[in-house]
Amino acid sequence: MKWEETPHWQQLLRDVRACTLCEPELPLGARPVVQLNPKARILVAGQAPGKRVHASGKPFDDPSGDRLREWMGIDKETFYDPEQLAIVPMGLCYPGTGHSGDLPPRPECAPAWRNKLLEQLPNLELTLAIGQYAQQWHLQEPRRSLTERVRDWRHYWPQILPLPHPSPRNNIWLKRNPWFETEVVPQLKQRVKELL
């Protein structure tokens, strides 16, 4: 990285964290949650922060994060090192809760910030596309189901890995698809170990 580029990504992070684009639509107000450093080799592309993450300002600071770190085979210290992992959800703020869980990411967020943020990550070697919204963006396959994408993980490997959301709400999906934890998770752990 050239020293001239450092101020740009740091200023971009400041701009992102000050964003209020969707604030009128957000039940708890704007609080963009993102982790970024140009040195990062792994991108965690999730959906949007939940209520606990909104409160703490720390991505995946909840049971979903515990399961994701377990799948990756890393501890919290490594996970929260921005030089190791970038964490850029599709929606940067908590969108609120609907009938069956959190609402989808706000549609204004990704067009406003996503490409600008991803341009600051020239060293990425693995993107974890978590959930349907991240998969639609990163895989450009809107007609496939999440299960189809995850089952076909080798098609995108080793640059991108589609994952189900690690939320406890997905325990039923994990029980119905035991191949995920026996086949995919060990490969993910090995790849993360190689990259870090």
N, C-alpha and C. Protein backbone atom coordinates (compact mmCIF):
# COMPACT_ATOMS: atom_id res chain seq x y z
N MET A 1 0.82 -1.20 0.00
CA MET A 1 0.00 0.00 0.00
C MET A 1 0.86 1.25 0.00
N LYS A 2 0.59 2.14 -0.90
CA LYS A 2 1.29 3.42 -0.90
C LYS A 2 0.74 4.29 0.21
N TRP A 3 1.59 5.09 0.77
CA TRP A 3 1.14 5.91 1.90
C TRP A 3 0.06 6.88 1.48
N GLU A 4 0.02 7.30 0.20
CA GLU A 4 -1.00 8.26 -0.25
C GLU A 4 -2.40 7.67 -0.16
N GLU A 5 -2.52 6.35 -0.26
CA GLU A 5 -3.83 5.71 -0.27
C GLU A 5 -4.43 5.61 1.13
N THR A 6 -3.58 5.61 2.15
CA THR A 6 -4.08 5.43 3.51
C THR A 6 -5.10 6.48 3.91
N PRO A 7 -4.85 7.76 3.71
CA PRO A 7 -5.85 8.74 4.12
C PRO A 7 -7.19 8.54 3.42
N HIS A 8 -7.19 8.06 2.17
CA HIS A 8 -8.45 7.90 1.46
C HIS A 8 -9.35 6.87 2.14
N TRP A 9 -8.82 5.68 2.45
CA TRP A 9 -9.68 4.66 3.05
C TRP A 9 -10.09 5.05 4.46
N GLN A 10 -9.21 5.73 5.18
CA GLN A 10 -9.58 6.17 6.52
C GLN A 10 -10.67 7.25 6.46
N GLN A 11 -10.57 8.15 5.49
CA GLN A 11 -11.61 9.16 5.33
C GLN A 11 -12.93 8.53 4.90
N LEU A 12 -12.85 7.53 4.02
CA LEU A 12 -14.05 6.82 3.60
C LEU A 12 -14.74 6.17 4.80
N LEU A 13 -13.97 5.54 5.67
CA LEU A 13 -14.55 4.94 6.88
C LEU A 13 -15.23 5.98 7.75
N ARG A 14 -14.60 7.13 7.89
CA ARG A 14 -15.22 8.21 8.67
C ARG A 14 -16.54 8.65 8.03
N ASP A 15 -16.53 8.78 6.70
CA ASP A 15 -17.75 9.18 5.99
C ASP A 15 -18.85 8.13 6.16
N VAL A 16 -18.49 6.87 6.03
CA VAL A 16 -19.46 5.79 6.18
C VAL A 16 -20.05 5.80 7.59
N ARG A 17 -19.20 5.93 8.58
CA ARG A 17 -19.68 5.90 9.97
C ARG A 17 -20.53 7.11 10.33
N ALA A 18 -20.42 8.17 9.54
CA ALA A 18 -21.24 9.37 9.78
C ALA A 18 -22.51 9.38 8.93
N CYS A 19 -22.72 8.33 8.13
CA CYS A 19 -23.85 8.29 7.20
C CYS A 19 -25.19 8.29 7.93
N THR A 20 -26.12 9.08 7.42
CA THR A 20 -27.49 9.11 7.96
C THR A 20 -28.51 8.94 6.82
N LEU A 21 -28.08 8.39 5.70
CA LEU A 21 -28.91 8.25 4.51
C LEU A 21 -30.27 7.61 4.81
N CYS A 22 -30.29 6.55 5.57
CA CYS A 22 -31.53 5.80 5.84
C CYS A 22 -32.15 6.14 7.18
N GLU A 23 -31.59 7.08 7.90
CA GLU A 23 -32.01 7.32 9.29
C GLU A 23 -33.52 7.45 9.49
N PRO A 24 -34.26 8.13 8.60
CA PRO A 24 -35.71 8.23 8.82
C PRO A 24 -36.42 6.87 8.82
N GLU A 25 -35.81 5.86 8.20
CA GLU A 25 -36.43 4.53 8.09
C GLU A 25 -35.94 3.55 9.16
N LEU A 26 -35.00 3.97 9.97
CA LEU A 26 -34.37 3.05 10.93
C LEU A 26 -34.98 3.22 12.32
N PRO A 27 -35.44 2.13 12.94
CA PRO A 27 -36.11 2.25 14.23
C PRO A 27 -35.23 2.75 15.36
N LEU A 28 -33.93 2.48 15.30
CA LEU A 28 -33.01 2.90 16.36
C LEU A 28 -32.03 3.97 15.87
N GLY A 29 -32.30 4.53 14.70
CA GLY A 29 -31.39 5.54 14.15
C GLY A 29 -30.21 4.91 13.43
N ALA A 30 -29.41 5.76 12.83
CA ALA A 30 -28.25 5.28 12.06
C ALA A 30 -27.07 5.01 12.98
N ARG A 31 -26.46 3.86 12.79
CA ARG A 31 -25.20 3.52 13.43
C ARG A 31 -24.50 2.50 12.54
N PRO A 32 -23.87 2.97 11.46
CA PRO A 32 -23.19 2.05 10.55
C PRO A 32 -22.10 1.25 11.25
N VAL A 33 -22.10 -0.06 11.02
CA VAL A 33 -21.13 -0.96 11.62
C VAL A 33 -20.33 -1.61 10.50
N VAL A 34 -19.03 -1.34 10.47
CA VAL A 34 -18.17 -1.86 9.41
C VAL A 34 -16.75 -1.99 9.97
N GLN A 35 -16.01 -2.96 9.46
CA GLN A 35 -14.60 -3.15 9.83
C GLN A 35 -13.81 -3.26 8.54
N LEU A 36 -12.77 -2.43 8.40
CA LEU A 36 -12.08 -2.39 7.11
C LEU A 36 -10.63 -1.96 7.26
N ASN A 37 -9.77 -2.62 6.52
CA ASN A 37 -8.37 -2.22 6.37
C ASN A 37 -7.89 -2.81 5.05
N PRO A 38 -7.16 -2.05 4.23
CA PRO A 38 -6.71 -2.57 2.94
C PRO A 38 -5.86 -3.83 3.01
N LYS A 39 -5.29 -4.16 4.18
CA LYS A 39 -4.47 -5.36 4.31
C LYS A 39 -5.29 -6.64 4.41
N ALA A 40 -6.57 -6.52 4.72
CA ALA A 40 -7.42 -7.70 4.96
C ALA A 40 -7.43 -8.63 3.75
N ARG A 41 -7.36 -9.93 4.03
CA ARG A 41 -7.39 -10.95 2.97
C ARG A 41 -8.71 -11.71 2.93
N ILE A 42 -9.53 -11.53 3.98
CA ILE A 42 -10.82 -12.19 4.07
C ILE A 42 -11.91 -11.13 4.24
N LEU A 43 -12.98 -11.26 3.48
CA LEU A 43 -14.13 -10.39 3.63
C LEU A 43 -15.30 -11.19 4.18
N VAL A 44 -15.88 -10.72 5.26
CA VAL A 44 -17.12 -11.28 5.79
C VAL A 44 -18.23 -10.35 5.31
N ALA A 45 -19.04 -10.85 4.38
CA ALA A 45 -20.13 -10.07 3.79
C ALA A 45 -21.44 -10.61 4.33
N GLY A 46 -21.95 -9.95 5.35
CA GLY A 46 -23.19 -10.38 5.98
C GLY A 46 -24.39 -9.61 5.46
N GLN A 47 -25.49 -9.69 6.20
CA GLN A 47 -26.74 -9.05 5.79
C GLN A 47 -26.82 -7.63 6.33
N ALA A 48 -27.03 -7.50 7.65
CA ALA A 48 -27.12 -6.20 8.32
C ALA A 48 -26.96 -6.46 9.81
N PRO A 49 -26.52 -5.47 10.56
CA PRO A 49 -26.36 -5.67 12.01
C PRO A 49 -27.70 -5.95 12.68
N GLY A 50 -27.66 -6.77 13.72
CA GLY A 50 -28.84 -6.99 14.55
C GLY A 50 -28.89 -5.96 15.66
N LYS A 51 -29.87 -6.10 16.52
CA LYS A 51 -30.07 -5.13 17.60
C LYS A 51 -28.89 -5.10 18.57
N ARG A 52 -28.35 -6.27 18.90
CA ARG A 52 -27.20 -6.32 19.83
C ARG A 52 -25.97 -5.67 19.22
N VAL A 53 -25.77 -5.89 17.92
CA VAL A 53 -24.62 -5.28 17.24
C VAL A 53 -24.82 -3.77 17.15
N HIS A 54 -26.04 -3.33 16.92
CA HIS A 54 -26.32 -1.89 16.92
C HIS A 54 -25.93 -1.27 18.26
N ALA A 55 -26.27 -1.97 19.34
CA ALA A 55 -25.98 -1.45 20.68
C ALA A 55 -24.48 -1.39 20.96
N SER A 56 -23.75 -2.41 20.54
CA SER A 56 -22.31 -2.47 20.85
C SER A 56 -21.45 -1.77 19.81
N GLY A 57 -21.94 -1.68 18.56
CA GLY A 57 -21.13 -1.12 17.49
C GLY A 57 -20.06 -2.07 16.98
N LYS A 58 -20.14 -3.33 17.40
CA LYS A 58 -19.14 -4.34 17.04
C LYS A 58 -19.79 -5.41 16.17
N PRO A 59 -19.29 -5.64 14.95
CA PRO A 59 -19.94 -6.61 14.07
C PRO A 59 -19.93 -8.03 14.63
N PHE A 60 -21.04 -8.73 14.41
CA PHE A 60 -21.17 -10.12 14.85
C PHE A 60 -20.88 -10.30 16.34
N ASP A 61 -21.28 -9.33 17.13
CA ASP A 61 -21.11 -9.38 18.57
C ASP A 61 -22.36 -10.01 19.20
N ASP A 62 -22.63 -11.26 18.82
CA ASP A 62 -23.86 -11.94 19.21
C ASP A 62 -23.69 -13.44 18.97
N PRO A 63 -24.70 -14.26 19.26
CA PRO A 63 -24.56 -15.71 19.04
C PRO A 63 -24.24 -16.08 17.59
N SER A 64 -24.72 -15.28 16.62
CA SER A 64 -24.36 -15.54 15.22
C SER A 64 -22.85 -15.44 15.02
N GLY A 65 -22.25 -14.44 15.65
CA GLY A 65 -20.81 -14.26 15.55
C GLY A 65 -20.05 -15.41 16.20
N ASP A 66 -20.58 -15.90 17.32
CA ASP A 66 -19.92 -17.04 17.98
C ASP A 66 -19.89 -18.24 17.05
N ARG A 67 -21.01 -18.51 16.39
CA ARG A 67 -21.08 -19.66 15.48
C ARG A 67 -20.19 -19.41 14.25
N LEU A 68 -20.21 -18.20 13.72
CA LEU A 68 -19.38 -17.91 12.55
C LEU A 68 -17.90 -18.09 12.88
N ARG A 69 -17.46 -17.60 14.03
CA ARG A 69 -16.05 -17.77 14.42
C ARG A 69 -15.72 -19.25 14.60
N GLU A 70 -16.69 -20.01 15.11
CA GLU A 70 -16.48 -21.47 15.25
C GLU A 70 -16.32 -22.10 13.87
N TRP A 71 -17.19 -21.73 12.92
CA TRP A 71 -17.07 -22.26 11.56
C TRP A 71 -15.71 -21.91 10.95
N MET A 72 -15.21 -20.71 11.24
CA MET A 72 -13.94 -20.25 10.67
C MET A 72 -12.73 -20.80 11.42
N GLY A 73 -12.95 -21.26 12.65
CA GLY A 73 -11.85 -21.79 13.46
C GLY A 73 -10.93 -20.70 14.00
N ILE A 74 -11.51 -19.53 14.32
CA ILE A 74 -10.69 -18.43 14.83
C ILE A 74 -11.29 -17.86 16.11
N ASP A 75 -10.47 -17.13 16.86
CA ASP A 75 -10.93 -16.51 18.09
C ASP A 75 -11.37 -15.06 17.82
N LYS A 76 -11.92 -14.43 18.85
CA LYS A 76 -12.42 -13.06 18.71
C LYS A 76 -11.31 -12.07 18.36
N GLU A 77 -10.14 -12.27 18.96
CA GLU A 77 -9.03 -11.34 18.70
C GLU A 77 -8.68 -11.33 17.21
N THR A 78 -8.62 -12.48 16.59
CA THR A 78 -8.33 -12.56 15.16
C THR A 78 -9.48 -11.99 14.35
N PHE A 79 -10.70 -12.35 14.73
CA PHE A 79 -11.89 -11.90 14.00
C PHE A 79 -12.00 -10.38 13.97
N TYR A 80 -11.65 -9.74 15.08
CA TYR A 80 -11.79 -8.28 15.17
C TYR A 80 -10.51 -7.53 14.82
N ASP A 81 -9.57 -8.20 14.18
CA ASP A 81 -8.36 -7.54 13.67
C ASP A 81 -8.64 -7.11 12.24
N PRO A 82 -8.83 -5.80 11.98
CA PRO A 82 -9.19 -5.35 10.63
C PRO A 82 -8.10 -5.61 9.59
N GLU A 83 -6.87 -5.83 10.03
CA GLU A 83 -5.81 -6.17 9.07
C GLU A 83 -5.94 -7.62 8.60
N GLN A 84 -6.72 -8.43 9.31
CA GLN A 84 -6.95 -9.81 8.94
C GLN A 84 -8.28 -9.98 8.19
N LEU A 85 -9.34 -9.38 8.77
CA LEU A 85 -10.69 -9.55 8.24
C LEU A 85 -11.36 -8.21 8.03
N ALA A 86 -11.95 -8.04 6.87
CA ALA A 86 -12.87 -6.92 6.65
C ALA A 86 -14.28 -7.46 6.89
N ILE A 87 -15.13 -6.66 7.51
CA ILE A 87 -16.52 -7.05 7.75
C ILE A 87 -17.40 -5.94 7.21
N VAL A 88 -18.04 -6.23 6.07
CA VAL A 88 -18.85 -5.22 5.38
C VAL A 88 -20.21 -5.85 5.04
N PRO A 89 -21.22 -5.60 5.89
CA PRO A 89 -22.55 -6.16 5.60
C PRO A 89 -23.21 -5.43 4.43
N MET A 90 -24.26 -6.04 3.90
CA MET A 90 -25.00 -5.43 2.79
C MET A 90 -25.71 -4.15 3.23
N GLY A 91 -26.21 -4.15 4.44
CA GLY A 91 -26.77 -2.96 5.06
C GLY A 91 -25.94 -2.66 6.28
N LEU A 92 -25.50 -1.44 6.45
CA LEU A 92 -24.55 -1.13 7.51
C LEU A 92 -25.22 -0.80 8.84
N CYS A 93 -26.53 -0.59 8.83
CA CYS A 93 -27.27 -0.26 10.04
C CYS A 93 -28.36 -1.28 10.32
N TYR A 94 -28.76 -1.36 11.59
CA TYR A 94 -29.84 -2.26 12.00
C TYR A 94 -31.14 -1.80 11.34
N PRO A 95 -31.77 -2.68 10.54
CA PRO A 95 -32.96 -2.27 9.78
C PRO A 95 -34.28 -2.38 10.52
N GLY A 96 -34.27 -3.03 11.69
CA GLY A 96 -35.52 -3.25 12.42
C GLY A 96 -35.94 -4.70 12.34
N THR A 97 -37.02 -5.03 13.03
CA THR A 97 -37.50 -6.40 13.11
C THR A 97 -38.85 -6.53 12.44
N GLY A 98 -39.03 -7.64 11.72
CA GLY A 98 -40.31 -7.95 11.09
C GLY A 98 -40.95 -9.14 11.78
N HIS A 99 -41.88 -9.80 11.09
CA HIS A 99 -42.62 -10.92 11.66
C HIS A 99 -41.74 -12.14 11.92
N SER A 100 -40.74 -12.38 11.07
CA SER A 100 -39.95 -13.60 11.22
C SER A 100 -38.46 -13.30 11.41
N GLY A 101 -38.15 -12.21 12.06
CA GLY A 101 -36.75 -11.87 12.31
C GLY A 101 -36.45 -10.47 11.83
N ASP A 102 -35.16 -10.17 11.71
CA ASP A 102 -34.76 -8.83 11.27
C ASP A 102 -35.21 -8.57 9.84
N LEU A 103 -35.51 -7.31 9.56
CA LEU A 103 -35.89 -6.91 8.20
C LEU A 103 -34.69 -7.01 7.27
N PRO A 104 -34.93 -7.00 5.95
CA PRO A 104 -33.81 -7.02 5.00
C PRO A 104 -32.96 -5.75 5.13
N PRO A 105 -31.74 -5.79 4.64
CA PRO A 105 -30.91 -4.58 4.63
C PRO A 105 -31.63 -3.46 3.87
N ARG A 106 -31.44 -2.23 4.31
CA ARG A 106 -32.04 -1.10 3.62
C ARG A 106 -31.51 -1.06 2.18
N PRO A 107 -32.39 -0.86 1.18
CA PRO A 107 -31.96 -0.90 -0.22
C PRO A 107 -31.07 0.27 -0.64
N GLU A 108 -31.04 1.34 0.13
CA GLU A 108 -30.21 2.49 -0.23
C GLU A 108 -28.73 2.28 0.09
N CYS A 109 -28.45 1.40 1.03
CA CYS A 109 -27.11 1.29 1.60
C CYS A 109 -26.07 0.76 0.61
N ALA A 110 -26.30 -0.41 0.06
CA ALA A 110 -25.30 -1.02 -0.83
C ALA A 110 -24.96 -0.14 -2.03
N PRO A 111 -25.96 0.44 -2.74
CA PRO A 111 -25.60 1.31 -3.87
C PRO A 111 -24.78 2.53 -3.45
N ALA A 112 -25.01 3.01 -2.25
CA ALA A 112 -24.29 4.21 -1.79
C ALA A 112 -22.86 3.90 -1.38
N TRP A 113 -22.61 2.77 -0.75
CA TRP A 113 -21.31 2.55 -0.12
C TRP A 113 -20.55 1.29 -0.54
N ARG A 114 -21.25 0.25 -0.99
CA ARG A 114 -20.58 -1.05 -1.12
C ARG A 114 -19.38 -1.04 -2.06
N ASN A 115 -19.54 -0.57 -3.27
CA ASN A 115 -18.41 -0.58 -4.20
C ASN A 115 -17.26 0.27 -3.70
N LYS A 116 -17.56 1.41 -3.10
CA LYS A 116 -16.50 2.28 -2.57
C LYS A 116 -15.70 1.56 -1.49
N LEU A 117 -16.39 0.83 -0.63
CA LEU A 117 -15.70 0.09 0.43
C LEU A 117 -14.90 -1.07 -0.14
N LEU A 118 -15.50 -1.84 -1.04
CA LEU A 118 -14.80 -3.01 -1.59
C LEU A 118 -13.58 -2.61 -2.41
N GLU A 119 -13.61 -1.43 -3.02
CA GLU A 119 -12.44 -0.94 -3.77
C GLU A 119 -11.23 -0.73 -2.87
N GLN A 120 -11.45 -0.62 -1.58
CA GLN A 120 -10.36 -0.42 -0.62
C GLN A 120 -9.74 -1.73 -0.16
N LEU A 121 -10.18 -2.85 -0.74
CA LEU A 121 -9.73 -4.18 -0.30
C LEU A 121 -9.03 -4.92 -1.44
N PRO A 122 -7.84 -4.47 -1.84
CA PRO A 122 -7.16 -5.08 -2.99
C PRO A 122 -6.55 -6.45 -2.71
N ASN A 123 -6.45 -6.84 -1.45
CA ASN A 123 -5.76 -8.09 -1.10
C ASN A 123 -6.70 -9.25 -0.78
N LEU A 124 -7.98 -9.08 -1.05
CA LEU A 124 -8.95 -10.13 -0.72
C LEU A 124 -8.66 -11.42 -1.47
N GLU A 125 -8.71 -12.53 -0.73
CA GLU A 125 -8.56 -13.85 -1.34
C GLU A 125 -9.74 -14.76 -1.04
N LEU A 126 -10.57 -14.35 -0.09
CA LEU A 126 -11.75 -15.14 0.26
C LEU A 126 -12.87 -14.20 0.71
N THR A 127 -14.04 -14.38 0.12
CA THR A 127 -15.23 -13.65 0.53
C THR A 127 -16.25 -14.65 1.05
N LEU A 128 -16.70 -14.44 2.29
CA LEU A 128 -17.76 -15.25 2.86
C LEU A 128 -19.07 -14.52 2.62
N ALA A 129 -19.87 -15.03 1.70
CA ALA A 129 -21.15 -14.41 1.34
C ALA A 129 -22.23 -15.06 2.20
N ILE A 130 -22.62 -14.35 3.26
CA ILE A 130 -23.51 -14.91 4.28
C ILE A 130 -24.94 -14.46 4.03
N GLY A 131 -25.81 -15.42 3.73
CA GLY A 131 -27.21 -15.12 3.53
C GLY A 131 -27.53 -14.70 2.11
N GLN A 132 -28.82 -14.66 1.80
CA GLN A 132 -29.27 -14.46 0.42
C GLN A 132 -28.90 -13.10 -0.16
N TYR A 133 -28.93 -12.03 0.64
CA TYR A 133 -28.65 -10.70 0.08
C TYR A 133 -27.18 -10.55 -0.32
N ALA A 134 -26.29 -11.03 0.53
CA ALA A 134 -24.86 -10.99 0.20
C ALA A 134 -24.56 -11.91 -0.99
N GLN A 135 -25.24 -13.05 -1.05
CA GLN A 135 -25.00 -13.97 -2.16
C GLN A 135 -25.50 -13.39 -3.48
N GLN A 136 -26.65 -12.74 -3.46
CA GLN A 136 -27.14 -12.12 -4.70
C GLN A 136 -26.17 -11.07 -5.20
N TRP A 137 -25.60 -10.30 -4.31
CA TRP A 137 -24.66 -9.24 -4.70
C TRP A 137 -23.35 -9.84 -5.24
N HIS A 138 -22.78 -10.76 -4.48
CA HIS A 138 -21.44 -11.26 -4.81
C HIS A 138 -21.44 -12.35 -5.88
N LEU A 139 -22.52 -13.10 -6.00
CA LEU A 139 -22.56 -14.20 -6.96
C LEU A 139 -23.36 -13.87 -8.21
N GLN A 140 -24.17 -12.82 -8.15
CA GLN A 140 -24.96 -12.39 -9.31
C GLN A 140 -25.84 -13.50 -9.87
N GLU A 141 -26.48 -14.26 -8.96
CA GLU A 141 -27.37 -15.36 -9.36
C GLU A 141 -28.69 -15.23 -8.61
N PRO A 142 -29.51 -14.28 -8.95
CA PRO A 142 -30.71 -14.02 -8.16
C PRO A 142 -31.74 -15.14 -8.16
N ARG A 143 -31.71 -16.05 -9.12
CA ARG A 143 -32.76 -17.07 -9.21
C ARG A 143 -32.47 -18.34 -8.42
N ARG A 144 -31.28 -18.47 -7.89
CA ARG A 144 -30.96 -19.69 -7.13
C ARG A 144 -31.29 -19.49 -5.65
N SER A 145 -31.67 -20.56 -5.00
CA SER A 145 -31.96 -20.49 -3.57
C SER A 145 -30.64 -20.52 -2.79
N LEU A 146 -30.72 -20.10 -1.54
CA LEU A 146 -29.55 -20.14 -0.67
C LEU A 146 -29.03 -21.57 -0.56
N THR A 147 -29.92 -22.52 -0.37
CA THR A 147 -29.49 -23.92 -0.23
C THR A 147 -28.78 -24.40 -1.49
N GLU A 148 -29.30 -24.04 -2.67
CA GLU A 148 -28.64 -24.44 -3.92
C GLU A 148 -27.24 -23.85 -4.01
N ARG A 149 -27.11 -22.59 -3.65
CA ARG A 149 -25.79 -21.95 -3.72
C ARG A 149 -24.81 -22.59 -2.75
N VAL A 150 -25.26 -22.81 -1.51
CA VAL A 150 -24.36 -23.39 -0.51
C VAL A 150 -23.99 -24.81 -0.90
N ARG A 151 -24.97 -25.58 -1.42
CA ARG A 151 -24.68 -26.96 -1.84
C ARG A 151 -23.67 -26.99 -3.00
N ASP A 152 -23.69 -25.95 -3.82
CA ASP A 152 -22.79 -25.86 -4.98
C ASP A 152 -21.55 -25.02 -4.66
N TRP A 153 -21.12 -25.03 -3.40
CA TRP A 153 -20.05 -24.16 -2.92
C TRP A 153 -18.74 -24.32 -3.70
N ARG A 154 -18.46 -25.53 -4.19
CA ARG A 154 -17.20 -25.76 -4.91
C ARG A 154 -17.12 -24.94 -6.21
N HIS A 155 -18.27 -24.59 -6.75
CA HIS A 155 -18.32 -23.80 -7.99
C HIS A 155 -17.68 -22.42 -7.80
N TYR A 156 -17.75 -21.88 -6.59
CA TYR A 156 -17.24 -20.53 -6.30
C TYR A 156 -15.90 -20.55 -5.58
N TRP A 157 -15.56 -21.69 -5.05
CA TRP A 157 -14.37 -21.90 -4.24
C TRP A 157 -13.11 -21.80 -5.07
N PRO A 158 -12.00 -21.25 -4.57
CA PRO A 158 -11.76 -20.80 -3.19
C PRO A 158 -11.91 -19.28 -3.00
N GLN A 159 -12.39 -18.54 -4.01
CA GLN A 159 -12.50 -17.08 -3.87
C GLN A 159 -13.72 -16.66 -3.05
N ILE A 160 -14.84 -17.35 -3.24
CA ILE A 160 -16.08 -17.00 -2.56
C ILE A 160 -16.68 -18.27 -1.96
N LEU A 161 -17.22 -18.12 -0.76
CA LEU A 161 -17.92 -19.23 -0.14
C LEU A 161 -19.30 -18.75 0.30
N PRO A 162 -20.37 -19.24 -0.35
CA PRO A 162 -21.71 -18.91 0.12
C PRO A 162 -22.02 -19.69 1.39
N LEU A 163 -22.53 -18.98 2.39
CA LEU A 163 -22.84 -19.60 3.68
C LEU A 163 -24.27 -19.29 4.09
N PRO A 164 -24.89 -20.21 4.83
CA PRO A 164 -26.16 -19.86 5.47
C PRO A 164 -25.86 -18.87 6.58
N HIS A 165 -26.86 -18.15 7.03
CA HIS A 165 -26.61 -17.25 8.15
C HIS A 165 -26.33 -18.09 9.39
N PRO A 166 -25.33 -17.72 10.19
CA PRO A 166 -25.00 -18.52 11.38
C PRO A 166 -25.94 -18.29 12.56
N SER A 167 -27.02 -17.59 12.36
CA SER A 167 -27.98 -17.31 13.43
C SER A 167 -28.57 -18.59 14.02
N PRO A 168 -28.86 -18.58 15.32
CA PRO A 168 -29.58 -19.72 15.91
C PRO A 168 -30.93 -19.99 15.23
N ARG A 169 -31.48 -18.99 14.55
CA ARG A 169 -32.73 -19.19 13.81
C ARG A 169 -32.56 -20.21 12.68
N ASN A 170 -31.32 -20.46 12.29
CA ASN A 170 -31.05 -21.40 11.20
C ASN A 170 -30.72 -22.81 11.69
N ASN A 171 -30.98 -23.10 12.96
CA ASN A 171 -30.69 -24.44 13.48
C ASN A 171 -31.44 -25.52 12.70
N ILE A 172 -32.67 -25.22 12.28
CA ILE A 172 -33.45 -26.21 11.52
C ILE A 172 -32.78 -26.47 10.17
N TRP A 173 -32.32 -25.41 9.50
CA TRP A 173 -31.62 -25.57 8.21
C TRP A 173 -30.38 -26.45 8.41
N LEU A 174 -29.63 -26.18 9.46
CA LEU A 174 -28.41 -26.95 9.72
C LEU A 174 -28.72 -28.42 10.00
N LYS A 175 -29.82 -28.68 10.71
CA LYS A 175 -30.21 -30.08 10.97
C LYS A 175 -30.63 -30.78 9.68
N ARG A 176 -31.29 -30.06 8.79
CA ARG A 176 -31.75 -30.66 7.52
C ARG A 176 -30.60 -30.83 6.52
N ASN A 177 -29.52 -30.11 6.73
CA ASN A 177 -28.40 -30.14 5.80
C ASN A 177 -27.10 -30.46 6.54
N PRO A 178 -27.00 -31.67 7.13
CA PRO A 178 -25.82 -32.00 7.93
C PRO A 178 -24.52 -32.00 7.13
N TRP A 179 -24.62 -32.16 5.81
CA TRP A 179 -23.44 -32.13 4.94
C TRP A 179 -22.68 -30.80 5.08
N PHE A 180 -23.40 -29.72 5.43
CA PHE A 180 -22.73 -28.42 5.52
C PHE A 180 -21.63 -28.45 6.57
N GLU A 181 -21.95 -28.94 7.77
CA GLU A 181 -20.95 -28.92 8.84
C GLU A 181 -19.90 -30.01 8.69
N THR A 182 -20.22 -31.10 7.98
CA THR A 182 -19.23 -32.16 7.81
C THR A 182 -18.35 -31.94 6.58
N GLU A 183 -18.90 -31.28 5.56
CA GLU A 183 -18.18 -31.13 4.29
C GLU A 183 -17.60 -29.73 4.09
N VAL A 184 -18.41 -28.69 4.36
CA VAL A 184 -18.01 -27.32 4.05
C VAL A 184 -17.17 -26.69 5.16
N VAL A 185 -17.61 -26.84 6.41
CA VAL A 185 -16.93 -26.17 7.52
C VAL A 185 -15.45 -26.57 7.63
N PRO A 186 -15.08 -27.85 7.51
CA PRO A 186 -13.65 -28.18 7.57
C PRO A 186 -12.83 -27.50 6.47
N GLN A 187 -13.40 -27.37 5.27
CA GLN A 187 -12.69 -26.68 4.18
C GLN A 187 -12.53 -25.19 4.49
N LEU A 188 -13.58 -24.60 5.06
CA LEU A 188 -13.51 -23.20 5.45
C LEU A 188 -12.43 -22.98 6.49
N LYS A 189 -12.39 -23.83 7.50
CA LYS A 189 -11.37 -23.68 8.55
C LYS A 189 -9.97 -23.78 7.97
N GLN A 190 -9.77 -24.73 7.07
CA GLN A 190 -8.45 -24.90 6.47
C GLN A 190 -8.05 -23.70 5.64
N ARG A 191 -8.98 -23.17 4.85
CA ARG A 191 -8.70 -22.00 3.99
C ARG A 191 -8.39 -20.77 4.84
N VAL A 192 -9.15 -20.57 5.89
CA VAL A 192 -8.91 -19.42 6.79
C VAL A 192 -7.53 -19.56 7.43
N LYS A 193 -7.18 -20.76 7.86
CA LYS A 193 -5.87 -20.98 8.46
C LYS A 193 -4.75 -20.65 7.49
N GLU A 194 -4.91 -21.04 6.23
CA GLU A 194 -3.91 -20.74 5.20
C GLU A 194 -3.76 -19.24 4.99
N LEU A 195 -4.87 -18.52 4.98
CA LEU A 195 -4.83 -17.09 4.68
C LEU A 195 -4.34 -16.24 5.85
N LEU A 196 -4.57 -16.72 7.06
CA LEU A 196 -4.16 -15.93 8.22
C LEU A 196 -2.83 -16.38 8.79
